[in-house]
Amino acid sequence: MAHNSQDTAPQYLPFVSMVWEYYAAHKRSFPWRETTNSYNIVVSEVMLQQTQTDRVVEKYYAFTQALPTFEALAAVDFAELLALWSGLGYNRRALYLHSLARVVVEKYGGILPDNPELLVELPGIGKATAASITAFAFNRPTVFIETNIRAVFIHEFFADRTDVHDREVIPHVAATVDQQNAREWYYALMDYGVMLKKKHKNPSRRSAHHTQQSRFEGSERQIRGMILRALLEQPLLAREDLYARIPREPGRINNNLDALCAEGFLMQRGELYLLTQLPREAK
């Protein structure tokens, strides 16, 4: 694969060569790596937040086939959106994606900006995601960290350290990013990081930012998912119906119903609950 080392400081050249060589022999294949379509890359980046790649692949195919453009996503109704998202968890991301699509359609004519400073203003897009979308969709040498990239740099440059802060890692990322082929360089780093995590008990645990993902079983997230699935199956349900369908304490169900209403997932009509009706794009 094409890569350019002429802008790389000499002390980083062995590291850069090692990562590229590993990638040449072991690179992973994912559908979002086979496209530069900015819509598909946005969908994949949001889906991959807090979710393993193997769970994302199947959902990514179904989602991008059913909703192939920002315009299609902006116009979808909530029940269809939620059904396509079901199984990925963190359903708030689906709402963010819908809101993002509406902004891209209404403000940018359906064309995603290639500027991370504009992308970070979109719903649900933080600084790192804005930079990663810019690298993957537009091959621009932005600088960002995600969990696998963090693992690589901590393992290679902070071997004897714990509590390593991202602000210490960022200069190394910036110094090594390939100026002509940022897209594949980040793919290479991620694949190398996945290998390191299997081989070395996840070097990211030595990061100051490392947190264990909370258990899903028995969590409030699980109850929220149960409520939303019940309302996908039966569009109007009273609290008592939900108590009968969901094997959890009524008080916890009530708390999550209130939270889902407050966050815009559900609407209440008298004693009944239903999925929210998403605003449609202006025709």
Protein backbone atom coordinates (compact mmCIF):
# COMPACT_ATOMS: atom_id res chain seq x y z
CA MET A 1 0.00 0.00 0.00
CA ALA A 2 1.12 3.54 -0.66
CA HIS A 3 2.64 5.35 2.24
CA ASN A 4 5.02 8.20 2.62
CA SER A 5 7.73 8.45 5.26
CA GLN A 6 9.50 11.57 4.05
CA ASP A 7 7.65 13.77 6.56
CA THR A 8 8.23 11.38 9.47
CA ALA A 9 10.86 12.28 12.07
CA PRO A 10 13.73 9.73 12.06
CA GLN A 11 13.02 8.47 15.60
CA TYR A 12 9.56 7.30 14.47
CA LEU A 13 10.60 5.52 11.27
CA PRO A 14 11.10 2.04 12.84
CA PHE A 15 7.69 2.29 14.53
CA VAL A 16 5.95 3.46 11.35
CA SER A 17 7.56 0.68 9.29
CA MET A 18 6.56 -1.94 11.86
CA VAL A 19 2.90 -0.87 11.83
CA TRP A 20 2.71 -0.77 8.02
CA GLU A 21 4.37 -4.19 7.75
CA TYR A 22 1.92 -5.70 10.22
CA TYR A 23 -0.99 -4.16 8.30
CA ALA A 24 0.28 -5.50 4.96
CA ALA A 25 0.24 -9.02 6.39
CA HIS A 26 -2.79 -8.90 8.69
CA LYS A 27 -5.18 -6.14 7.68
CA ARG A 28 -8.82 -6.70 8.55
CA SER A 29 -11.66 -6.27 6.08
CA PHE A 30 -14.84 -4.31 6.90
CA PRO A 31 -17.48 -2.92 4.53
CA TRP A 32 -16.89 0.67 5.70
CA ARG A 33 -13.23 0.32 4.71
CA GLU A 34 -14.25 -0.50 1.14
CA THR A 35 -15.93 2.88 0.57
CA THR A 36 -15.15 6.57 0.74
CA ASN A 37 -18.86 7.46 0.73
CA SER A 38 -19.14 10.02 3.52
CA TYR A 39 -22.65 8.95 4.53
CA ASN A 40 -21.62 5.31 4.98
CA ILE A 41 -18.56 6.34 6.96
CA VAL A 42 -20.61 8.58 9.28
CA VAL A 43 -23.04 5.69 9.92
CA SER A 44 -20.18 3.28 10.66
CA GLU A 45 -18.33 5.70 12.95
CA VAL A 46 -21.46 6.35 15.05
CA MET A 47 -22.31 2.63 15.16
CA LEU A 48 -18.76 1.77 16.24
CA GLN A 49 -18.92 4.05 19.28
CA GLN A 50 -18.96 1.65 22.26
CA THR A 51 -19.84 -1.36 20.05
CA GLN A 52 -17.68 -4.24 18.79
CA THR A 53 -17.00 -4.43 15.05
CA ASP A 54 -18.52 -7.90 14.61
CA ARG A 55 -21.86 -6.67 15.98
CA VAL A 56 -21.76 -3.60 13.74
CA VAL A 57 -21.15 -5.35 10.39
CA GLU A 58 -24.59 -6.94 10.00
CA LYS A 59 -26.42 -3.83 11.24
CA TYR A 60 -24.35 -1.57 8.99
CA TYR A 61 -25.38 -3.55 5.88
CA ALA A 62 -29.08 -3.51 6.76
CA PHE A 63 -29.05 0.16 7.79
CA THR A 64 -27.24 1.50 4.74
CA GLN A 65 -29.35 -0.60 2.37
CA ALA A 66 -32.63 0.60 3.92
CA LEU A 67 -31.40 4.19 4.34
CA PRO A 68 -28.69 4.77 1.72
CA THR A 69 -28.37 8.58 1.94
CA PHE A 70 -28.56 11.50 4.34
CA GLU A 71 -31.89 12.39 2.66
CA ALA A 72 -33.34 8.93 3.31
CA LEU A 73 -32.24 8.99 6.95
CA ALA A 74 -33.61 12.51 7.47
CA ALA A 75 -37.03 11.36 6.23
CA VAL A 76 -37.36 8.04 8.13
CA ASP A 77 -39.94 7.53 10.85
CA PHE A 78 -38.81 6.60 14.34
CA ALA A 79 -40.21 3.06 14.42
CA GLU A 80 -38.27 2.11 11.28
CA LEU A 81 -35.12 3.84 12.54
CA LEU A 82 -35.32 2.05 15.89
CA ALA A 83 -36.01 -1.32 14.25
CA LEU A 84 -32.91 -0.90 12.05
CA TRP A 85 -30.84 0.11 15.09
CA SER A 86 -32.22 -2.58 17.43
CA GLY A 87 -29.46 -4.80 18.83
CA LEU A 88 -26.72 -2.17 18.73
CA GLY A 89 -27.66 -0.58 22.07
CA TYR A 90 -27.10 3.03 23.13
CA ASN A 91 -30.20 3.99 21.15
CA ARG A 92 -29.52 7.69 21.70
CA ARG A 93 -26.98 7.35 18.89
CA ALA A 94 -29.82 6.58 16.45
CA LEU A 95 -31.55 9.85 17.38
CA TYR A 96 -28.29 11.73 16.98
CA LEU A 97 -27.79 10.20 13.53
CA HIS A 98 -31.28 11.25 12.46
CA SER A 99 -30.73 14.80 13.72
CA LEU A 100 -27.32 14.91 12.03
CA ALA A 101 -28.85 13.83 8.72
CA ARG A 102 -31.45 16.60 8.92
CA VAL A 103 -28.74 19.21 9.50
CA VAL A 104 -26.63 17.89 6.60
CA VAL A 105 -29.67 17.96 4.29
CA GLU A 106 -31.04 21.32 5.39
CA LYS A 107 -27.78 23.23 5.98
CA TYR A 108 -25.34 21.57 3.57
CA GLY A 109 -27.61 20.31 0.77
CA GLY A 110 -26.99 16.67 1.65
CA ILE A 111 -23.20 16.97 1.26
CA LEU A 112 -21.12 16.31 4.37
CA PRO A 113 -18.57 19.05 5.12
CA ASP A 114 -14.93 17.92 4.98
CA ASN A 115 -13.95 20.22 7.85
CA PRO A 116 -13.75 18.70 11.37
CA GLU A 117 -14.57 22.12 12.87
CA LEU A 118 -17.93 21.99 11.09
CA LEU A 119 -18.47 18.28 11.74
CA VAL A 120 -18.05 18.69 15.50
CA GLU A 121 -21.08 21.00 15.47
CA LEU A 122 -23.31 18.16 14.24
CA PRO A 123 -25.49 16.26 16.76
CA GLY A 124 -23.68 13.42 18.54
CA ILE A 125 -20.29 14.12 16.95
CA GLY A 126 -17.44 14.80 19.35
CA LYS A 127 -13.99 16.06 18.49
CA ALA A 128 -12.43 12.61 17.98
CA THR A 129 -15.32 11.36 15.80
CA ALA A 130 -15.21 14.55 13.69
CA ALA A 131 -11.49 13.98 13.11
CA SER A 132 -11.91 10.27 12.34
CA ILE A 133 -14.72 10.93 9.83
CA THR A 134 -12.51 13.53 8.12
CA ALA A 135 -9.64 11.03 7.88
CA PHE A 136 -11.73 8.11 6.64
CA ALA A 137 -14.11 9.97 4.31
CA PHE A 138 -11.70 12.58 2.95
CA ASN A 139 -8.23 11.09 3.65
CA ARG A 140 -7.15 14.21 5.50
CA PRO A 141 -4.34 13.85 8.11
CA THR A 142 -6.37 14.78 11.16
CA VAL A 143 -5.21 13.73 14.63
CA PHE A 144 -7.40 11.63 16.93
CA ILE A 145 -7.34 8.78 19.43
CA GLU A 146 -9.67 5.83 19.84
CA THR A 147 -9.24 2.77 22.02
CA ASN A 148 -7.06 0.68 19.66
CA ILE A 149 -4.89 3.63 18.65
CA ARG A 150 -4.42 4.48 22.32
CA ALA A 151 -3.32 0.90 23.01
CA VAL A 152 -0.63 1.09 20.30
CA PHE A 153 0.98 4.29 21.50
CA ILE A 154 0.86 3.39 25.19
CA HIS A 155 2.43 0.01 24.46
CA GLU A 156 5.17 1.40 22.20
CA PHE A 157 6.00 4.73 23.85
CA PHE A 158 4.93 4.42 27.51
CA ALA A 159 6.01 0.87 28.30
CA ASP A 160 6.75 1.48 32.00
CA ARG A 161 3.97 3.95 32.72
CA THR A 162 0.48 3.78 34.12
CA ASP A 163 -2.05 6.60 34.21
CA VAL A 164 -0.97 7.86 30.76
CA HIS A 165 -3.03 10.89 29.69
CA ASP A 166 -4.22 11.37 26.11
CA ARG A 167 -2.51 14.78 26.01
CA GLU A 168 0.79 12.86 26.26
CA VAL A 169 -0.22 10.47 23.48
CA ILE A 170 -1.50 13.06 20.98
CA PRO A 171 1.96 14.45 20.01
CA HIS A 172 3.08 10.94 19.00
CA VAL A 173 -0.10 10.43 16.95
CA ALA A 174 0.42 13.80 15.25
CA ALA A 175 4.08 13.05 14.52
CA THR A 176 3.36 9.72 12.83
CA VAL A 177 0.13 10.29 10.86
CA ASP A 178 0.74 9.71 7.15
CA GLN A 179 0.20 13.01 5.39
CA GLN A 180 -0.77 11.40 2.07
CA ASN A 181 -2.56 8.28 3.29
CA ALA A 182 -4.08 9.06 6.69
CA ARG A 183 -7.04 6.78 6.04
CA GLU A 184 -5.02 3.58 5.74
CA TRP A 185 -2.53 4.62 8.41
CA TYR A 186 -5.33 4.78 10.95
CA TYR A 187 -6.69 1.44 9.74
CA ALA A 188 -3.18 0.03 10.22
CA LEU A 189 -2.89 1.46 13.73
CA MET A 190 -6.30 0.05 14.71
CA ASP A 191 -5.46 -3.42 13.42
CA TYR A 192 -2.12 -3.37 15.23
CA GLY A 193 -3.92 -2.25 18.40
CA VAL A 194 -6.41 -5.12 18.19
CA MET A 195 -3.48 -7.56 18.03
CA LEU A 196 -1.75 -5.90 21.00
CA LYS A 197 -4.92 -6.08 23.12
CA LYS A 198 -5.13 -9.84 22.54
CA LYS A 199 -1.43 -10.36 23.18
CA HIS A 200 -0.81 -7.99 26.11
CA LYS A 201 -4.05 -7.80 28.15
CA ASN A 202 -5.07 -4.46 26.62
CA PRO A 203 -2.40 -1.78 27.08
CA SER A 204 -5.24 0.79 27.19
CA ARG A 205 -5.83 -0.23 30.80
CA ARG A 206 -2.75 1.87 31.61
CA SER A 207 -4.50 4.97 30.25
CA ALA A 208 -5.76 7.66 32.62
CA HIS A 209 -9.01 7.48 30.63
CA HIS A 210 -9.62 3.75 30.96
CA THR A 211 -13.02 2.75 32.35
CA GLN A 212 -14.67 -0.64 32.44
CA GLN A 213 -17.86 -0.76 30.39
CA SER A 214 -20.78 -1.23 32.74
CA ARG A 215 -22.62 -4.57 32.70
CA PHE A 216 -25.67 -4.65 30.45
CA GLU A 217 -27.51 -7.49 32.23
CA GLY A 218 -29.77 -6.01 34.90
CA SER A 219 -28.88 -2.42 33.95
CA GLU A 220 -31.13 0.56 33.30
CA ARG A 221 -29.94 0.38 29.67
CA GLN A 222 -31.41 -3.11 29.45
CA ILE A 223 -34.77 -1.92 30.79
CA ARG A 224 -34.81 0.98 28.31
CA GLY A 225 -34.17 -1.46 25.49
CA MET A 226 -37.00 -3.71 26.71
CA ILE A 227 -39.43 -0.76 26.77
CA LEU A 228 -38.50 0.34 23.25
CA ARG A 229 -38.73 -3.21 21.88
CA ALA A 230 -42.17 -3.66 23.47
CA LEU A 231 -43.39 -0.48 21.79
CA LEU A 232 -41.96 -1.58 18.45
CA GLU A 233 -44.04 -4.76 18.74
CA GLN A 234 -47.17 -2.98 20.03
CA PRO A 235 -47.33 0.74 19.19
CA LEU A 236 -49.56 1.81 22.14
CA LEU A 237 -49.06 0.45 25.64
CA ALA A 238 -50.11 1.53 29.12
CA ARG A 239 -47.79 1.26 32.13
CA GLU A 240 -49.63 -1.88 33.28
CA ASP A 241 -49.00 -3.50 29.88
CA LEU A 242 -45.30 -2.75 30.22
CA TYR A 243 -45.24 -4.14 33.78
CA ALA A 244 -46.71 -7.37 32.37
CA ARG A 245 -44.21 -7.59 29.51
CA ILE A 246 -41.01 -6.55 31.31
CA PRO A 247 -39.78 -8.71 34.22
CA ARG A 248 -38.43 -5.78 36.27
CA GLU A 249 -39.65 -3.75 39.24
CA PRO A 250 -42.46 -1.29 38.32
CA GLY A 251 -40.53 1.56 39.98
CA ARG A 252 -37.55 1.04 37.68
CA ILE A 253 -39.82 0.77 34.64
CA ASN A 254 -41.50 4.05 35.67
CA ASN A 255 -38.17 5.82 36.05
CA ASN A 256 -37.04 4.69 32.62
CA LEU A 257 -40.38 5.62 31.02
CA ASP A 258 -39.99 9.13 32.43
CA ALA A 259 -36.40 9.34 31.19
CA LEU A 260 -37.30 8.09 27.71
CA CYS A 261 -40.07 10.69 27.46
CA ALA A 262 -37.74 13.46 28.66
CA GLU A 263 -35.08 12.46 26.12
CA GLY A 264 -37.48 12.39 23.18
CA PHE A 265 -37.75 8.63 22.59
CA LEU A 266 -41.37 8.29 23.77
CA MET A 267 -44.55 10.34 23.88
CA GLN A 268 -47.42 9.97 26.33
CA ARG A 269 -51.05 10.13 25.23
CA GLY A 270 -53.21 10.02 28.34
CA GLU A 271 -52.43 6.65 29.95
CA LEU A 272 -50.70 5.31 26.86
CA TYR A 273 -47.10 5.44 25.66
CA LEU A 274 -45.92 5.40 22.05
CA LEU A 275 -42.69 5.92 20.14
CA THR A 276 -41.98 9.53 19.30
CA GLN A 277 -42.76 10.86 15.83
CA LEU A 278 -39.55 12.23 14.33
CA PRO A 279 -39.76 15.58 12.56
CA ARG A 280 -39.61 15.08 8.82
CA GLU A 281 -37.22 17.00 6.61
CA ALA A 282 -38.76 19.97 4.86
CA LYS A 283 -40.02 18.86 1.44
